[in-house]
Amino acid sequence: MILLQPVLEIQSMPEGFDLWPVAEAEPYGFLPLSGALSPAEVGTAVMAIAACNDWAPDGGLPPRPADPLAAFLHGLLTVEDLFASGGLRVTDTVHGRTLVPGCCNGIDERSDWGEVVDGSGRASFGHDPSPLAERRGERVRLTVDADQDDSPVIELPVTELRGLLSRAERDLAQFVHLVGPWAARHVPGHAAATTAAVARALAVPAPVQ
């Protein structure tokens, strides 16, 4: 069986983080995003996306607020080009092979998969590792790390990949729908802005309030 999941890289857990409940996560591990996450896992995801965009207040950004919560959310709520580290993870459960997004890949870059199924037929997704997807006729070949001569590969039909990509979009939309009520409870003064910012970082339409 081939599984494809949108995953968020949890680059680090801020030491002593106590602005809202979060679930334990391994540094530089991946959290699959879907509508099945617990409130604590949603908190972890929002924390990771906010941390990804926790820039210093320069380049014309408003001054960082003194309030700890507003200060932590400052980048998420003010940076124009938001980034959510991660991408799509593909697992071949039969052969025990997994393709994960490489360094510097963002979840919003998953549109590159469209080049594989309907465009040039080739796309890469970060480095260290360097995952590569190539269309070969009516099948797609996924190379776990193109920098390795003996890299594991995963192969599947183009039609199956299209269906899996559609399912990933639904998973992301369902995750964003969880963020709204989560934000209303844990960051009530910034709920609408936080939900919209998370949706924008993931390149998902914001839910109607």
N, C-alpha and C. Protein backbone atom coordinates (compact mmCIF):
# COMPACT_ATOMS: atom_id res chain seq x y z
N MET A 1 0.84 -1.20 0.00
CA MET A 1 0.00 0.00 0.00
C MET A 1 0.88 1.24 0.00
N ILE A 2 0.46 2.26 -0.76
CA ILE A 2 1.16 3.53 -0.80
C ILE A 2 0.36 4.56 0.00
N LEU A 3 1.01 5.19 0.96
CA LEU A 3 0.40 6.25 1.76
C LEU A 3 1.08 7.58 1.42
N LEU A 4 0.31 8.62 1.24
CA LEU A 4 0.86 9.95 1.01
C LEU A 4 0.22 10.91 2.01
N GLN A 5 1.07 11.60 2.77
CA GLN A 5 0.58 12.47 3.83
C GLN A 5 1.27 13.83 3.77
N PRO A 6 0.52 14.92 3.95
CA PRO A 6 1.17 16.21 4.16
C PRO A 6 1.76 16.23 5.57
N VAL A 7 3.03 16.58 5.66
CA VAL A 7 3.70 16.54 6.96
C VAL A 7 4.39 17.87 7.24
N LEU A 8 4.34 18.27 8.49
CA LEU A 8 4.97 19.49 8.97
C LEU A 8 6.22 19.11 9.73
N GLU A 9 7.36 19.70 9.38
CA GLU A 9 8.59 19.42 10.12
C GLU A 9 8.58 20.22 11.42
N ILE A 10 8.77 19.51 12.53
CA ILE A 10 8.87 20.16 13.84
C ILE A 10 10.36 20.39 14.09
N GLN A 11 10.85 21.55 13.72
CA GLN A 11 12.29 21.78 13.76
C GLN A 11 12.83 21.78 15.17
N SER A 12 12.07 22.32 16.11
CA SER A 12 12.51 22.31 17.51
C SER A 12 11.32 22.68 18.38
N MET A 13 11.38 22.27 19.64
CA MET A 13 10.39 22.65 20.63
C MET A 13 11.01 23.75 21.48
N PRO A 14 10.47 24.98 21.42
CA PRO A 14 11.06 26.04 22.24
C PRO A 14 11.14 25.63 23.71
N GLU A 15 12.29 25.83 24.30
CA GLU A 15 12.50 25.42 25.70
C GLU A 15 11.53 26.15 26.63
N GLY A 16 10.86 25.37 27.46
CA GLY A 16 9.94 25.95 28.42
C GLY A 16 8.68 26.52 27.82
N PHE A 17 8.31 26.10 26.63
CA PHE A 17 7.13 26.65 25.97
C PHE A 17 5.88 26.37 26.79
N ASP A 18 5.12 27.41 27.14
CA ASP A 18 3.93 27.22 27.97
C ASP A 18 2.79 28.16 27.56
N LEU A 19 2.82 28.64 26.33
CA LEU A 19 1.76 29.56 25.89
C LEU A 19 0.46 28.83 25.63
N TRP A 20 0.53 27.54 25.30
CA TRP A 20 -0.64 26.69 25.13
C TRP A 20 -0.18 25.23 25.17
N PRO A 21 -1.07 24.28 25.39
CA PRO A 21 -0.66 22.87 25.46
C PRO A 21 -0.15 22.37 24.10
N VAL A 22 0.92 21.59 24.15
CA VAL A 22 1.48 20.98 22.95
C VAL A 22 1.75 19.51 23.21
N ALA A 23 1.81 18.73 22.14
CA ALA A 23 2.16 17.32 22.24
C ALA A 23 3.67 17.17 22.09
N GLU A 24 4.21 16.12 22.68
CA GLU A 24 5.63 15.85 22.54
C GLU A 24 5.96 15.56 21.08
N ALA A 25 7.11 16.01 20.63
CA ALA A 25 7.53 15.79 19.25
C ALA A 25 9.05 15.73 19.20
N GLU A 26 9.56 14.83 18.36
CA GLU A 26 11.00 14.72 18.17
C GLU A 26 11.50 15.90 17.34
N PRO A 27 12.62 16.52 17.75
CA PRO A 27 13.18 17.60 16.94
C PRO A 27 13.48 17.11 15.52
N TYR A 28 13.08 17.88 14.55
CA TYR A 28 13.27 17.59 13.13
C TYR A 28 12.50 16.33 12.69
N GLY A 29 11.48 15.96 13.46
CA GLY A 29 10.56 14.92 13.04
C GLY A 29 9.41 15.53 12.26
N PHE A 30 8.52 14.67 11.78
CA PHE A 30 7.42 15.13 10.94
C PHE A 30 6.09 14.80 11.60
N LEU A 31 5.20 15.79 11.59
CA LEU A 31 3.84 15.62 12.11
C LEU A 31 2.87 15.59 10.94
N PRO A 32 2.19 14.46 10.70
CA PRO A 32 1.19 14.43 9.63
C PRO A 32 0.02 15.36 9.97
N LEU A 33 -0.42 16.13 9.01
CA LEU A 33 -1.52 17.07 9.22
C LEU A 33 -2.80 16.49 8.62
N SER A 34 -3.86 16.50 9.43
CA SER A 34 -5.16 16.00 8.97
C SER A 34 -6.21 16.47 9.96
N GLY A 35 -7.43 16.08 9.71
CA GLY A 35 -8.51 16.41 10.62
C GLY A 35 -8.58 15.51 11.82
N ALA A 36 -7.64 14.56 11.95
CA ALA A 36 -7.66 13.60 13.05
C ALA A 36 -6.75 14.00 14.21
N LEU A 37 -6.12 15.18 14.13
CA LEU A 37 -5.19 15.59 15.19
C LEU A 37 -5.91 15.93 16.47
N SER A 38 -5.26 15.66 17.60
CA SER A 38 -5.77 16.06 18.90
C SER A 38 -5.53 17.55 19.10
N PRO A 39 -6.21 18.19 20.06
CA PRO A 39 -5.95 19.60 20.31
C PRO A 39 -4.49 19.89 20.63
N ALA A 40 -3.83 18.99 21.37
CA ALA A 40 -2.42 19.22 21.69
C ALA A 40 -1.56 19.13 20.44
N GLU A 41 -1.90 18.23 19.51
CA GLU A 41 -1.15 18.13 18.25
C GLU A 41 -1.38 19.35 17.37
N VAL A 42 -2.61 19.88 17.38
CA VAL A 42 -2.86 21.13 16.67
C VAL A 42 -2.00 22.23 17.28
N GLY A 43 -1.91 22.26 18.60
CA GLY A 43 -1.07 23.24 19.27
C GLY A 43 0.39 23.12 18.86
N THR A 44 0.87 21.88 18.72
CA THR A 44 2.24 21.65 18.27
C THR A 44 2.44 22.19 16.87
N ALA A 45 1.47 21.93 16.00
CA ALA A 45 1.59 22.39 14.61
C ALA A 45 1.60 23.92 14.54
N VAL A 46 0.70 24.57 15.25
CA VAL A 46 0.66 26.04 15.23
C VAL A 46 1.95 26.60 15.83
N MET A 47 2.43 25.98 16.91
CA MET A 47 3.69 26.41 17.50
C MET A 47 4.83 26.32 16.49
N ALA A 48 4.89 25.19 15.75
CA ALA A 48 5.98 24.99 14.80
C ALA A 48 5.91 26.00 13.65
N ILE A 49 4.72 26.27 13.15
CA ILE A 49 4.58 27.23 12.06
C ILE A 49 4.93 28.63 12.54
N ALA A 50 4.48 28.98 13.74
CA ALA A 50 4.82 30.30 14.29
C ALA A 50 6.32 30.42 14.50
N ALA A 51 6.95 29.36 15.03
CA ALA A 51 8.39 29.39 15.26
C ALA A 51 9.17 29.53 13.95
N CYS A 52 8.65 28.91 12.89
CA CYS A 52 9.27 28.99 11.56
C CYS A 52 9.33 30.42 11.06
N ASN A 53 8.38 31.23 11.51
CA ASN A 53 8.25 32.59 11.02
C ASN A 53 8.53 33.64 12.10
N ASP A 54 9.26 33.23 13.13
CA ASP A 54 9.56 34.12 14.25
C ASP A 54 10.77 34.97 13.92
N TRP A 55 10.58 35.89 13.01
CA TRP A 55 11.66 36.76 12.55
C TRP A 55 11.85 37.93 13.50
N ALA A 56 13.07 38.50 13.45
CA ALA A 56 13.33 39.73 14.19
C ALA A 56 12.55 40.87 13.54
N PRO A 57 12.11 41.85 14.33
CA PRO A 57 11.30 42.95 13.78
C PRO A 57 12.13 43.94 12.98
N ASP A 58 12.49 43.53 11.76
CA ASP A 58 13.21 44.44 10.87
C ASP A 58 12.51 44.43 9.51
N GLY A 59 13.06 45.10 8.55
CA GLY A 59 12.48 45.11 7.22
C GLY A 59 11.09 45.70 7.16
N GLY A 60 10.80 46.65 8.04
CA GLY A 60 9.51 47.31 7.98
C GLY A 60 8.42 46.64 8.79
N LEU A 61 8.74 45.56 9.51
CA LEU A 61 7.72 44.92 10.33
C LEU A 61 7.40 45.80 11.54
N PRO A 62 6.17 45.71 12.04
CA PRO A 62 5.84 46.45 13.26
C PRO A 62 6.71 45.98 14.42
N PRO A 63 6.90 46.82 15.43
CA PRO A 63 7.69 46.41 16.60
C PRO A 63 7.09 45.18 17.26
N ARG A 64 7.95 44.34 17.82
CA ARG A 64 7.49 43.15 18.51
C ARG A 64 6.79 43.55 19.82
N PRO A 65 5.57 43.04 20.05
CA PRO A 65 4.86 43.41 21.28
C PRO A 65 5.58 42.87 22.52
N ALA A 66 5.30 43.47 23.65
CA ALA A 66 5.88 43.03 24.91
C ALA A 66 5.17 41.79 25.45
N ASP A 67 3.89 41.66 25.19
CA ASP A 67 3.13 40.51 25.67
C ASP A 67 3.71 39.22 25.10
N PRO A 68 4.03 38.20 25.92
CA PRO A 68 4.69 36.99 25.43
C PRO A 68 3.93 36.27 24.32
N LEU A 69 2.61 36.17 24.45
CA LEU A 69 1.83 35.48 23.43
C LEU A 69 1.87 36.25 22.11
N ALA A 70 1.59 37.54 22.18
CA ALA A 70 1.62 38.35 20.97
C ALA A 70 3.02 38.40 20.36
N ALA A 71 4.04 38.38 21.22
CA ALA A 71 5.41 38.40 20.73
C ALA A 71 5.74 37.12 19.96
N PHE A 72 5.28 35.96 20.49
CA PHE A 72 5.56 34.69 19.82
C PHE A 72 4.84 34.61 18.48
N LEU A 73 3.63 35.16 18.41
CA LEU A 73 2.84 35.12 17.18
C LEU A 73 3.22 36.24 16.21
N HIS A 74 4.13 37.12 16.62
CA HIS A 74 4.41 38.34 15.86
C HIS A 74 4.75 38.05 14.39
N GLY A 75 5.71 37.16 14.17
CA GLY A 75 6.10 36.86 12.79
C GLY A 75 4.97 36.23 12.01
N LEU A 76 4.30 35.26 12.61
CA LEU A 76 3.19 34.59 11.94
C LEU A 76 2.14 35.57 11.48
N LEU A 77 1.87 36.60 12.29
CA LEU A 77 0.79 37.53 12.00
C LEU A 77 1.23 38.75 11.21
N THR A 78 2.53 38.91 10.97
CA THR A 78 2.99 40.12 10.28
C THR A 78 3.85 39.85 9.04
N VAL A 79 4.53 38.70 9.00
CA VAL A 79 5.39 38.41 7.84
C VAL A 79 4.51 38.12 6.62
N GLU A 80 4.86 38.70 5.49
CA GLU A 80 4.04 38.54 4.28
C GLU A 80 4.21 37.15 3.68
N ASP A 81 5.45 36.71 3.50
CA ASP A 81 5.71 35.41 2.87
C ASP A 81 5.98 34.37 3.95
N LEU A 82 4.92 33.73 4.38
CA LEU A 82 5.03 32.75 5.45
C LEU A 82 5.59 31.42 4.92
N PHE A 83 6.20 30.65 5.84
CA PHE A 83 6.84 29.38 5.46
C PHE A 83 6.47 28.33 6.48
N ALA A 84 6.12 27.14 5.99
CA ALA A 84 5.86 26.00 6.85
C ALA A 84 6.74 24.85 6.35
N SER A 85 7.77 24.52 7.11
CA SER A 85 8.73 23.51 6.68
C SER A 85 8.07 22.14 6.61
N GLY A 86 8.32 21.43 5.53
CA GLY A 86 7.75 20.10 5.36
C GLY A 86 7.39 19.85 3.92
N GLY A 87 6.33 19.08 3.70
CA GLY A 87 5.93 18.73 2.34
C GLY A 87 5.06 17.50 2.35
N LEU A 88 5.27 16.63 1.39
CA LEU A 88 4.50 15.40 1.30
C LEU A 88 5.41 14.20 1.57
N ARG A 89 4.95 13.33 2.45
CA ARG A 89 5.68 12.10 2.76
C ARG A 89 4.97 10.93 2.09
N VAL A 90 5.73 10.11 1.39
CA VAL A 90 5.18 8.95 0.68
C VAL A 90 5.79 7.69 1.27
N THR A 91 4.92 6.78 1.67
CA THR A 91 5.38 5.54 2.30
C THR A 91 4.88 4.34 1.52
N ASP A 92 5.79 3.46 1.18
CA ASP A 92 5.46 2.16 0.58
C ASP A 92 5.48 1.15 1.72
N THR A 93 4.31 0.80 2.23
CA THR A 93 4.24 -0.06 3.40
C THR A 93 4.62 -1.50 3.08
N VAL A 94 4.53 -1.89 1.82
CA VAL A 94 4.87 -3.26 1.44
C VAL A 94 6.38 -3.48 1.46
N HIS A 95 7.12 -2.51 0.90
CA HIS A 95 8.57 -2.66 0.80
C HIS A 95 9.33 -1.89 1.88
N GLY A 96 8.61 -1.19 2.75
CA GLY A 96 9.26 -0.48 3.84
C GLY A 96 10.12 0.68 3.38
N ARG A 97 9.63 1.45 2.41
CA ARG A 97 10.40 2.59 1.89
C ARG A 97 9.60 3.87 2.10
N THR A 98 10.31 4.94 2.45
CA THR A 98 9.64 6.21 2.72
C THR A 98 10.39 7.36 2.08
N LEU A 99 9.69 8.17 1.33
CA LEU A 99 10.23 9.40 0.77
C LEU A 99 9.75 10.55 1.65
N VAL A 100 10.70 11.35 2.15
CA VAL A 100 10.35 12.50 2.99
C VAL A 100 10.87 13.76 2.34
N PRO A 101 10.22 14.91 2.57
CA PRO A 101 10.72 16.16 2.01
C PRO A 101 12.08 16.51 2.59
N GLY A 102 12.92 17.09 1.76
CA GLY A 102 14.25 17.47 2.20
C GLY A 102 14.29 18.83 2.86
N CYS A 103 15.48 19.23 3.24
CA CYS A 103 15.69 20.52 3.90
C CYS A 103 15.27 21.65 2.97
N CYS A 104 14.70 22.69 3.56
CA CYS A 104 14.31 23.92 2.87
C CYS A 104 13.07 23.75 2.00
N ASN A 105 12.41 22.60 2.07
CA ASN A 105 11.17 22.43 1.32
C ASN A 105 10.01 22.89 2.18
N GLY A 106 9.04 23.54 1.55
CA GLY A 106 7.87 24.03 2.28
C GLY A 106 6.62 23.30 1.84
N ILE A 107 5.65 23.21 2.76
CA ILE A 107 4.40 22.54 2.42
C ILE A 107 3.70 23.25 1.27
N ASP A 108 3.85 24.56 1.17
CA ASP A 108 3.20 25.30 0.09
C ASP A 108 3.78 24.95 -1.28
N GLU A 109 4.94 24.30 -1.32
CA GLU A 109 5.57 23.94 -2.59
C GLU A 109 5.04 22.63 -3.16
N ARG A 110 4.01 22.06 -2.53
CA ARG A 110 3.49 20.79 -3.04
C ARG A 110 2.87 20.92 -4.42
N SER A 111 2.62 22.15 -4.87
CA SER A 111 2.11 22.33 -6.23
C SER A 111 3.11 21.81 -7.26
N ASP A 112 4.38 21.66 -6.87
CA ASP A 112 5.38 21.11 -7.78
C ASP A 112 5.04 19.67 -8.19
N TRP A 113 4.25 18.99 -7.35
CA TRP A 113 3.83 17.64 -7.73
C TRP A 113 2.98 17.66 -8.98
N GLY A 114 2.34 18.79 -9.26
CA GLY A 114 1.56 18.92 -10.47
C GLY A 114 2.42 18.81 -11.72
N GLU A 115 3.70 19.22 -11.61
CA GLU A 115 4.61 19.08 -12.74
C GLU A 115 4.85 17.61 -13.06
N VAL A 116 4.77 16.77 -12.05
CA VAL A 116 5.03 15.34 -12.26
C VAL A 116 3.87 14.69 -12.99
N VAL A 117 2.66 14.98 -12.58
CA VAL A 117 1.50 14.29 -13.16
C VAL A 117 0.96 14.98 -14.41
N ASP A 118 1.14 16.31 -14.52
CA ASP A 118 0.52 17.02 -15.65
C ASP A 118 1.44 18.03 -16.32
N GLY A 119 2.69 18.10 -15.92
CA GLY A 119 3.59 19.11 -16.47
C GLY A 119 4.82 18.51 -17.12
N SER A 120 5.99 18.96 -16.63
CA SER A 120 7.25 18.52 -17.23
C SER A 120 7.57 17.06 -16.92
N GLY A 121 6.91 16.51 -15.90
CA GLY A 121 7.16 15.11 -15.55
C GLY A 121 8.27 14.91 -14.55
N ARG A 122 8.75 16.00 -13.93
CA ARG A 122 9.89 15.85 -13.01
C ARG A 122 9.84 16.98 -11.98
N ALA A 123 10.15 16.65 -10.72
CA ALA A 123 10.22 17.66 -9.66
C ALA A 123 11.06 17.12 -8.52
N SER A 124 11.74 18.02 -7.84
CA SER A 124 12.52 17.66 -6.65
C SER A 124 11.98 18.44 -5.47
N PHE A 125 12.31 17.96 -4.26
CA PHE A 125 11.67 18.50 -3.06
C PHE A 125 12.69 18.67 -1.92
N GLY A 126 13.62 19.60 -2.11
CA GLY A 126 14.59 19.89 -1.07
C GLY A 126 15.87 19.08 -1.22
N HIS A 127 16.67 19.11 -0.16
CA HIS A 127 17.98 18.43 -0.20
C HIS A 127 18.30 17.86 1.18
N ASP A 128 19.27 16.93 1.17
CA ASP A 128 19.72 16.27 2.43
C ASP A 128 18.57 15.67 3.23
N PRO A 129 17.81 14.72 2.73
CA PRO A 129 17.96 14.04 1.44
C PRO A 129 17.41 14.86 0.28
N SER A 130 17.63 14.33 -0.94
CA SER A 130 17.18 15.01 -2.15
C SER A 130 16.14 14.16 -2.86
N PRO A 131 14.87 14.21 -2.41
CA PRO A 131 13.83 13.40 -3.04
C PRO A 131 13.51 13.90 -4.44
N LEU A 132 13.24 12.95 -5.33
CA LEU A 132 12.99 13.26 -6.73
C LEU A 132 11.81 12.45 -7.22
N ALA A 133 10.93 13.08 -7.99
CA ALA A 133 9.79 12.39 -8.60
C ALA A 133 9.87 12.56 -10.11
N GLU A 134 9.70 11.44 -10.84
CA GLU A 134 9.79 11.46 -12.29
C GLU A 134 8.65 10.64 -12.89
N ARG A 135 7.98 11.23 -13.87
CA ARG A 135 6.95 10.48 -14.58
C ARG A 135 7.60 9.66 -15.69
N ARG A 136 7.23 8.39 -15.75
CA ARG A 136 7.72 7.50 -16.80
C ARG A 136 6.51 6.81 -17.42
N GLY A 137 6.00 7.42 -18.48
CA GLY A 137 4.79 6.90 -19.09
C GLY A 137 3.60 7.08 -18.16
N GLU A 138 2.94 5.99 -17.84
CA GLU A 138 1.77 6.04 -16.97
C GLU A 138 2.12 5.68 -15.53
N ARG A 139 3.40 5.72 -15.20
CA ARG A 139 3.83 5.45 -13.83
C ARG A 139 4.74 6.59 -13.36
N VAL A 140 4.87 6.69 -12.05
CA VAL A 140 5.75 7.69 -11.44
C VAL A 140 6.79 6.96 -10.60
N ARG A 141 8.02 7.36 -10.75
CA ARG A 141 9.13 6.79 -9.98
C ARG A 141 9.60 7.83 -8.97
N LEU A 142 9.57 7.47 -7.71
CA LEU A 142 10.01 8.35 -6.63
C LEU A 142 11.33 7.85 -6.09
N THR A 143 12.34 8.69 -6.16
CA THR A 143 13.66 8.35 -5.63
C THR A 143 13.82 9.01 -4.27
N VAL A 144 14.06 8.20 -3.25
CA VAL A 144 14.12 8.71 -1.88
C VAL A 144 15.23 9.74 -1.72
N ASP A 145 16.41 9.48 -2.31
CA ASP A 145 17.53 10.42 -2.24
C ASP A 145 18.31 10.34 -3.54
N ALA A 146 18.09 11.30 -4.42
CA ALA A 146 18.72 11.27 -5.74
C ALA A 146 20.23 11.43 -5.67
N ASP A 147 20.77 11.84 -4.53
CA ASP A 147 22.22 11.98 -4.39
C ASP A 147 22.90 10.65 -4.08
N GLN A 148 22.13 9.61 -3.87
CA GLN A 148 22.68 8.28 -3.60
C GLN A 148 22.44 7.36 -4.78
N ASP A 149 23.49 6.70 -5.26
CA ASP A 149 23.37 5.82 -6.41
C ASP A 149 22.46 4.62 -6.13
N ASP A 150 22.45 4.19 -4.88
CA ASP A 150 21.66 3.00 -4.52
C ASP A 150 20.40 3.37 -3.73
N SER A 151 19.87 4.58 -3.99
CA SER A 151 18.71 5.05 -3.24
C SER A 151 17.51 4.13 -3.43
N PRO A 152 16.74 3.88 -2.37
CA PRO A 152 15.46 3.18 -2.54
C PRO A 152 14.53 3.99 -3.44
N VAL A 153 13.65 3.30 -4.14
CA VAL A 153 12.68 3.96 -4.99
C VAL A 153 11.29 3.42 -4.70
N ILE A 154 10.30 4.23 -5.01
CA ILE A 154 8.89 3.85 -4.90
C ILE A 154 8.25 4.11 -6.25
N GLU A 155 7.48 3.16 -6.76
CA GLU A 155 6.80 3.35 -8.04
C GLU A 155 5.30 3.15 -7.87
N LEU A 156 4.54 3.96 -8.58
CA LEU A 156 3.08 3.85 -8.54
C LEU A 156 2.49 4.43 -9.80
N PRO A 157 1.25 4.06 -10.14
CA PRO A 157 0.60 4.61 -11.33
C PRO A 157 0.29 6.10 -11.16
N VAL A 158 0.30 6.82 -12.28
CA VAL A 158 -0.02 8.24 -12.25
C VAL A 158 -1.42 8.46 -11.69
N THR A 159 -2.37 7.61 -12.09
CA THR A 159 -3.75 7.78 -11.61
C THR A 159 -3.83 7.63 -10.10
N GLU A 160 -3.06 6.72 -9.54
CA GLU A 160 -3.06 6.54 -8.08
C GLU A 160 -2.47 7.77 -7.40
N LEU A 161 -1.39 8.31 -7.97
CA LEU A 161 -0.77 9.49 -7.38
C LEU A 161 -1.73 10.67 -7.39
N ARG A 162 -2.48 10.85 -8.48
CA ARG A 162 -3.45 11.94 -8.53
C ARG A 162 -4.46 11.82 -7.38
N GLY A 163 -4.95 10.62 -7.17
CA GLY A 163 -5.90 10.42 -6.08
C GLY A 163 -5.30 10.70 -4.72
N LEU A 164 -4.05 10.29 -4.52
CA LEU A 164 -3.37 10.53 -3.25
C LEU A 164 -3.14 12.02 -3.02
N LEU A 165 -2.81 12.74 -4.08
CA LEU A 165 -2.61 14.19 -3.95
C LEU A 165 -3.91 14.90 -3.60
N SER A 166 -5.00 14.45 -4.17
CA SER A 166 -6.31 15.03 -3.82
C SER A 166 -6.65 14.77 -2.36
N ARG A 167 -6.33 13.58 -1.89
CA ARG A 167 -6.58 13.24 -0.48
C ARG A 167 -5.73 14.11 0.45
N ALA A 168 -4.50 14.41 0.03
CA ALA A 168 -3.62 15.27 0.84
C ALA A 168 -4.20 16.67 0.96
N GLU A 169 -4.79 17.18 -0.12
CA GLU A 169 -5.41 18.50 -0.06
C GLU A 169 -6.58 18.50 0.92
N ARG A 170 -7.35 17.43 0.93
CA ARG A 170 -8.47 17.34 1.88
C ARG A 170 -7.95 17.26 3.31
N ASP A 171 -6.86 16.53 3.51
CA ASP A 171 -6.28 16.44 4.86
C ASP A 171 -5.86 17.82 5.36
N LEU A 172 -5.23 18.60 4.49
CA LEU A 172 -4.78 19.93 4.90
C LEU A 172 -5.97 20.84 5.19
N ALA A 173 -6.99 20.78 4.35
CA ALA A 173 -8.17 21.61 4.58
C ALA A 173 -8.84 21.22 5.90
N GLN A 174 -8.91 19.93 6.19
CA GLN A 174 -9.53 19.48 7.44
C GLN A 174 -8.69 19.90 8.65
N PHE A 175 -7.36 19.89 8.49
CA PHE A 175 -6.51 20.38 9.58
C PHE A 175 -6.78 21.86 9.86
N VAL A 176 -6.84 22.67 8.80
CA VAL A 176 -7.08 24.11 8.99
C VAL A 176 -8.43 24.34 9.66
N HIS A 177 -9.41 23.50 9.38
CA HIS A 177 -10.71 23.63 10.04
C HIS A 177 -10.59 23.36 11.54
N LEU A 178 -9.60 22.57 11.95
CA LEU A 178 -9.37 22.35 13.38
C LEU A 178 -8.75 23.58 14.04
N VAL A 179 -7.98 24.33 13.26
CA VAL A 179 -7.24 25.46 13.83
C VAL A 179 -8.19 26.54 14.33
N GLY A 180 -9.30 26.77 13.61
CA GLY A 180 -10.23 27.83 14.02
C GLY A 180 -10.73 27.68 15.44
N PRO A 181 -11.39 26.56 15.79
CA PRO A 181 -11.85 26.40 17.17
C PRO A 181 -10.72 26.29 18.17
N TRP A 182 -9.58 25.69 17.75
CA TRP A 182 -8.42 25.64 18.65
C TRP A 182 -7.97 27.06 18.99
N ALA A 183 -7.85 27.90 17.97
CA ALA A 183 -7.38 29.27 18.19
C ALA A 183 -8.37 30.07 19.04
N ALA A 184 -9.66 29.84 18.83
CA ALA A 184 -10.66 30.55 19.63
C ALA A 184 -10.50 30.24 21.11
N ARG A 185 -10.03 29.06 21.42
CA ARG A 185 -9.87 28.66 22.82
C ARG A 185 -8.53 29.10 23.39
N HIS A 186 -7.46 28.98 22.61
CA HIS A 186 -6.12 29.16 23.17
C HIS A 186 -5.48 30.52 22.84
N VAL A 187 -5.90 31.15 21.75
CA VAL A 187 -5.37 32.49 21.43
C VAL A 187 -6.56 33.37 21.03
N PRO A 188 -7.52 33.54 21.93
CA PRO A 188 -8.79 34.19 21.56
C PRO A 188 -8.64 35.59 20.99
N GLY A 189 -7.65 36.33 21.45
CA GLY A 189 -7.48 37.68 20.92
C GLY A 189 -6.88 37.72 19.53
N HIS A 190 -6.40 36.57 19.05
CA HIS A 190 -5.73 36.51 17.74
C HIS A 190 -6.29 35.36 16.91
N ALA A 191 -7.48 34.87 17.24
CA ALA A 191 -7.97 33.62 16.65
C ALA A 191 -8.13 33.72 15.14
N ALA A 192 -8.85 34.72 14.67
CA ALA A 192 -9.10 34.83 13.23
C ALA A 192 -7.81 35.04 12.46
N ALA A 193 -6.94 35.92 12.98
CA ALA A 193 -5.68 36.20 12.29
C ALA A 193 -4.77 34.98 12.28
N THR A 194 -4.74 34.23 13.39
CA THR A 194 -3.90 33.04 13.46
C THR A 194 -4.38 31.98 12.48
N THR A 195 -5.69 31.76 12.44
CA THR A 195 -6.24 30.76 11.52
C THR A 195 -5.94 31.13 10.08
N ALA A 196 -6.13 32.38 9.73
CA ALA A 196 -5.86 32.83 8.36
C ALA A 196 -4.38 32.70 8.02
N ALA A 197 -3.51 33.01 8.98
CA ALA A 197 -2.07 32.94 8.73
C ALA A 197 -1.63 31.49 8.53
N VAL A 198 -2.14 30.57 9.35
CA VAL A 198 -1.79 29.16 9.19
C VAL A 198 -2.25 28.66 7.83
N ALA A 199 -3.46 29.03 7.43
CA ALA A 199 -3.97 28.62 6.12
C ALA A 199 -3.07 29.16 5.01
N ARG A 200 -2.63 30.41 5.15
CA ARG A 200 -1.78 31.00 4.13
C ARG A 200 -0.41 30.34 4.08
N ALA A 201 0.14 29.99 5.24
CA ALA A 201 1.44 29.31 5.27
C ALA A 201 1.37 27.95 4.58
N LEU A 202 0.21 27.30 4.67
CA LEU A 202 0.04 25.98 4.07
C LEU A 202 -0.52 26.04 2.67
N ALA A 203 -0.81 27.24 2.17
CA ALA A 203 -1.43 27.42 0.85
C ALA A 203 -2.74 26.68 0.75
N VAL A 204 -3.57 26.89 1.78
CA VAL A 204 -4.91 26.29 1.85
C VAL A 204 -5.90 27.44 1.99
N PRO A 205 -7.05 27.39 1.31
CA PRO A 205 -8.05 28.45 1.51
C PRO A 205 -8.48 28.54 2.97
N ALA A 206 -8.53 29.74 3.49
CA ALA A 206 -8.95 29.92 4.88
C ALA A 206 -10.42 29.57 5.03
N PRO A 207 -10.78 28.88 6.12
CA PRO A 207 -12.19 28.55 6.31
C PRO A 207 -13.04 29.79 6.53
N VAL A 208 -14.27 29.73 6.10
CA VAL A 208 -15.19 30.85 6.29
C VAL A 208 -15.54 30.96 7.76
N GLN A 209 -15.37 32.15 8.31
CA GLN A 209 -15.63 32.36 9.73
C GLN A 209 -17.13 32.53 9.99
